[in-house]
Amino acid sequence: MAELATNIGVVPQTILASTSAISRGYRVTLASDGTVSASAIGVRGDYIAVNDIAASSYGTGHACGTGAKISAVASEAVAVGDAAYSAASGKFSKTSTNAVLMGKWVQAASGDGVLGVVQLETVA
């Protein structure tokens, strides 16, 4: 039920994974061929994967600039209230070095690879 409450008012989009699988909570960037893959550290990305997506398969994603609360995979331990930044390989972090501000952590994550929740900042 918590996940439903987190995603209220967010319209998911259909996304197509590249030749690499994508796990839930990762930032992905849309390529010119219409597929998505993990975003680099200094890139906001276009979507956050809502579910695990097999390589070359369709899944769902939430747009990054929506202001939604989304499940996010951490690259390090984070606490509620920490700023959420982009991290390598499509993850999220609290470290700002070479990163893009994504929003704020509203549910903590205990370490690398752990799901937390980020309130995304809307992008004008």
Protein backbone atom coordinates (compact mmCIF):
# COMPACT_ATOMS: atom_id res chain seq x y z
CA MET A 1 0.00 0.00 0.00
CA ALA A 2 2.88 2.37 0.68
CA GLU A 3 3.96 2.17 -2.95
CA LEU A 4 0.48 3.10 -4.16
CA ALA A 5 0.48 6.13 -1.87
CA THR A 6 3.93 7.11 -3.16
CA ASN A 7 2.83 7.11 -6.79
CA ILE A 8 -0.56 8.86 -6.50
CA GLY A 9 -1.09 11.37 -9.30
CA VAL A 10 1.90 10.16 -11.32
CA VAL A 11 1.18 8.98 -14.86
CA PRO A 12 3.58 6.20 -15.86
CA GLN A 13 5.05 6.08 -19.35
CA THR A 14 5.92 3.01 -21.41
CA ILE A 15 9.68 2.69 -21.90
CA LEU A 16 11.81 0.20 -23.86
CA ALA A 17 15.04 -1.08 -22.31
CA SER A 18 18.17 -1.24 -24.44
CA THR A 19 20.12 -4.50 -24.64
CA SER A 20 20.76 -4.27 -20.88
CA ALA A 21 18.15 -5.05 -18.22
CA ILE A 22 17.00 -2.21 -15.95
CA SER A 23 15.97 -2.64 -12.32
CA ARG A 24 13.25 -0.76 -10.48
CA GLY A 25 14.33 2.60 -9.05
CA TYR A 26 17.09 3.42 -11.53
CA ARG A 27 17.34 6.65 -13.55
CA VAL A 28 17.37 6.04 -17.30
CA THR A 29 18.07 8.21 -20.32
CA LEU A 30 16.24 8.02 -23.65
CA ALA A 31 18.50 7.33 -26.65
CA SER A 32 17.87 8.36 -30.27
CA ASP A 33 16.77 4.79 -31.11
CA GLY A 34 13.90 5.02 -28.59
CA THR A 35 15.45 2.75 -25.97
CA VAL A 36 16.52 3.69 -22.45
CA SER A 37 19.63 2.79 -20.47
CA ALA A 38 21.16 3.73 -17.10
CA SER A 39 21.96 7.44 -16.73
CA ALA A 40 25.47 8.76 -16.02
CA ILE A 41 26.33 10.64 -12.83
CA GLY A 42 26.07 14.16 -14.30
CA VAL A 43 22.82 13.46 -16.15
CA ARG A 44 19.33 13.92 -14.69
CA GLY A 45 17.89 11.24 -16.96
CA ASP A 46 14.46 11.10 -18.52
CA TYR A 47 12.66 8.42 -16.48
CA ILE A 48 12.84 6.39 -13.29
CA ALA A 49 12.07 2.69 -13.83
CA VAL A 50 8.90 1.65 -11.96
CA ASN A 51 9.48 -2.07 -12.39
CA ASP A 52 12.28 -4.44 -13.36
CA ILE A 53 12.60 -4.49 -17.15
CA ALA A 54 14.32 -7.30 -19.05
CA ALA A 55 16.78 -6.41 -21.81
CA SER A 56 15.04 -5.28 -25.03
CA SER A 57 11.64 -5.37 -23.29
CA TYR A 58 8.97 -2.83 -22.40
CA GLY A 59 8.24 -1.59 -18.89
CA THR A 60 7.06 1.55 -17.16
CA GLY A 61 8.81 4.69 -15.99
CA HIS A 62 7.99 7.99 -14.29
CA ALA A 63 9.27 11.18 -15.91
CA CYS A 64 12.13 12.75 -13.92
CA GLY A 65 10.79 16.32 -13.90
CA THR A 66 7.37 15.59 -12.40
CA GLY A 67 7.78 16.38 -8.71
CA ALA A 68 6.60 12.86 -7.84
CA LYS A 69 7.73 10.62 -5.01
CA ILE A 70 9.51 7.66 -6.59
CA SER A 71 11.35 4.52 -5.53
CA ALA A 72 15.08 5.19 -5.93
CA VAL A 73 18.15 2.98 -5.67
CA ALA A 74 20.82 4.54 -3.45
CA SER A 75 24.56 4.41 -4.09
CA GLU A 76 25.35 5.01 -0.41
CA ALA A 77 23.55 5.27 2.94
CA VAL A 78 21.14 8.22 2.96
CA ALA A 79 18.83 9.73 5.58
CA VAL A 80 15.42 11.37 5.38
CA GLY A 81 15.91 15.02 4.45
CA ASP A 82 19.22 14.54 2.61
CA ALA A 83 19.43 16.16 -0.81
CA ALA A 84 19.13 13.55 -3.57
CA TYR A 85 21.68 13.76 -6.38
CA SER A 86 22.36 11.73 -9.50
CA ALA A 87 24.96 9.00 -9.08
CA ALA A 88 26.78 6.66 -11.43
CA SER A 89 24.96 3.85 -13.23
CA GLY A 90 21.48 5.34 -12.77
CA LYS A 91 21.51 5.36 -8.96
CA PHE A 92 20.81 8.21 -6.51
CA SER A 93 23.12 9.67 -3.88
CA LYS A 94 23.49 12.39 -1.23
CA THR A 95 26.88 13.43 -2.67
CA SER A 96 26.85 16.49 -4.94
CA THR A 97 30.27 16.09 -6.64
CA ASN A 98 29.81 16.10 -10.46
CA ALA A 99 26.11 15.38 -9.89
CA VAL A 100 22.71 16.90 -10.68
CA LEU A 101 20.22 17.72 -7.91
CA MET A 102 17.22 15.41 -8.28
CA GLY A 103 15.20 16.22 -5.16
CA LYS A 104 15.13 15.12 -1.52
CA TRP A 105 15.20 11.74 0.23
CA VAL A 106 11.88 11.13 2.02
CA GLN A 107 12.59 7.51 2.92
CA ALA A 108 16.07 6.46 4.00
CA ALA A 109 18.21 3.76 2.38
CA SER A 110 20.85 1.90 4.40
CA GLY A 111 23.51 1.59 1.68
CA ASP A 112 24.48 0.89 -1.92
CA GLY A 113 21.79 -0.91 -3.91
CA VAL A 114 19.03 -0.33 -1.34
CA LEU A 115 15.67 1.17 -2.36
CA GLY A 116 14.55 4.41 -0.72
CA VAL A 117 12.09 7.09 -1.79
CA VAL A 118 12.96 10.45 -3.38
CA GLN A 119 10.64 13.43 -3.78
CA LEU A 120 11.71 14.69 -7.22
CA GLU A 121 12.05 18.39 -7.91
CA THR A 122 9.92 19.68 -10.73
CA VAL A 123 11.91 20.95 -13.69
CA ALA A 124 10.75 24.14 -15.35
